[in-house]
Amino acid sequence: MRGFFENVDIIGVADHIIDGMMFNVVPLRMQMHITVPKVQTIGTYGVDGVLGHVIPVYGGGKFEYEKSLIMLEKSDQNIFGL
């Protein structure tokens, strides 16, 4: 099975909100809380092949995906790659 995505645009990531941030010097550690209110992804796709050696699958066209309220948390003790 083969597939591809082309001309993919991701819209809305730049509208993020940093809800909180903590930085410790000893031990060297950083923690962030980020919220992205809405992300929209648009582009084109294609797929061609056989699923399970039985079912032919093929097609393509435009796609659009939208996700609201993405919340991320990142904590790292190795923030500078040391």
Protein backbone atom coordinates (compact mmCIF):
# COMPACT_ATOMS: atom_id res chain seq x y z
CA MET A 1 0.00 0.00 0.00
CA ARG A 2 1.34 3.42 -0.94
CA GLY A 3 0.09 6.82 0.09
CA PHE A 4 1.14 10.43 0.05
CA PHE A 5 0.23 13.91 1.29
CA GLU A 6 1.02 17.03 -0.75
CA ASN A 7 0.60 20.79 -0.39
CA VAL A 8 -0.18 20.47 3.32
CA ASP A 9 -0.87 23.70 5.23
CA ILE A 10 -1.15 23.77 9.02
CA ILE A 11 -2.99 26.89 10.19
CA GLY A 12 -3.36 28.18 13.76
CA VAL A 13 -0.24 26.90 15.54
CA ALA A 14 1.14 30.44 15.82
CA ASP A 15 -1.92 31.43 17.89
CA HIS A 16 -0.61 29.45 20.86
CA ILE A 17 -0.91 30.60 24.46
CA ILE A 18 1.80 29.88 27.03
CA ASP A 19 -0.29 29.12 30.13
CA GLY A 20 2.64 28.61 32.45
CA MET A 21 6.38 28.18 32.57
CA MET A 22 8.74 27.10 35.34
CA PHE A 23 12.51 27.22 35.19
CA ASN A 24 14.90 25.84 37.83
CA VAL A 25 18.64 26.38 37.77
CA VAL A 26 19.49 23.56 40.20
CA PRO A 27 18.64 20.99 39.03
CA LEU A 28 18.54 22.41 35.49
CA ARG A 29 14.91 21.90 34.50
CA MET A 30 12.17 23.64 32.50
CA GLN A 31 8.44 22.95 32.37
CA MET A 32 5.93 24.57 29.98
CA HIS A 33 2.16 24.44 29.54
CA ILE A 34 0.93 25.54 26.09
CA THR A 35 -2.61 25.75 24.68
CA VAL A 36 -3.43 26.00 20.98
CA PRO A 37 -7.09 27.12 20.59
CA LYS A 38 -7.62 25.72 17.07
CA VAL A 39 -5.49 24.01 14.42
CA GLN A 40 -6.64 23.43 10.86
CA THR A 41 -4.79 21.18 8.38
CA ILE A 42 -5.60 21.19 4.66
CA GLY A 43 -3.98 19.56 1.64
CA THR A 44 -4.24 16.74 -0.87
CA TYR A 45 -3.73 12.99 -0.47
CA GLY A 46 -3.50 9.85 -2.51
CA VAL A 47 -3.55 6.14 -1.74
CA ASP A 48 -3.09 3.07 -3.95
CA GLY A 49 -2.63 -0.57 -3.04
CA VAL A 50 -4.19 -3.74 -1.71
CA LEU A 51 -5.30 -4.08 1.91
CA GLY A 52 -4.62 -7.50 3.41
CA HIS A 53 -3.77 -8.98 -0.02
CA VAL A 54 -7.52 -8.96 -0.76
CA ILE A 55 -9.17 -5.53 -0.87
CA PRO A 56 -8.02 -2.99 -3.47
CA VAL A 57 -7.83 0.53 -2.05
CA TYR A 58 -7.27 3.58 -4.22
CA GLY A 59 -8.27 7.21 -4.37
CA GLY A 60 -7.18 10.73 -3.67
CA GLY A 61 -8.31 14.29 -3.39
CA LYS A 62 -8.50 17.18 -0.95
CA PHE A 63 -8.61 16.73 2.81
CA GLU A 64 -9.29 19.03 5.74
CA TYR A 65 -8.88 18.32 9.45
CA GLU A 66 -9.68 20.64 12.33
CA LYS A 67 -8.91 20.16 16.01
CA SER A 68 -9.94 22.52 18.81
CA LEU A 69 -8.24 23.12 22.15
CA ILE A 70 -4.93 21.26 22.04
CA MET A 71 -3.14 21.33 25.40
CA LEU A 72 0.57 20.43 25.62
CA GLU A 73 2.86 19.99 28.58
CA LYS A 74 6.61 19.56 28.27
CA SER A 75 9.04 18.94 31.09
CA ASP A 76 12.72 18.40 30.44
CA GLN A 77 15.80 18.17 32.63
CA ASN A 78 18.14 18.27 29.65
CA ILE A 79 16.97 21.52 28.04
CA PHE A 80 20.34 22.52 26.57
CA GLY A 81 21.37 19.06 25.34
CA LEU A 82 24.07 18.76 28.03
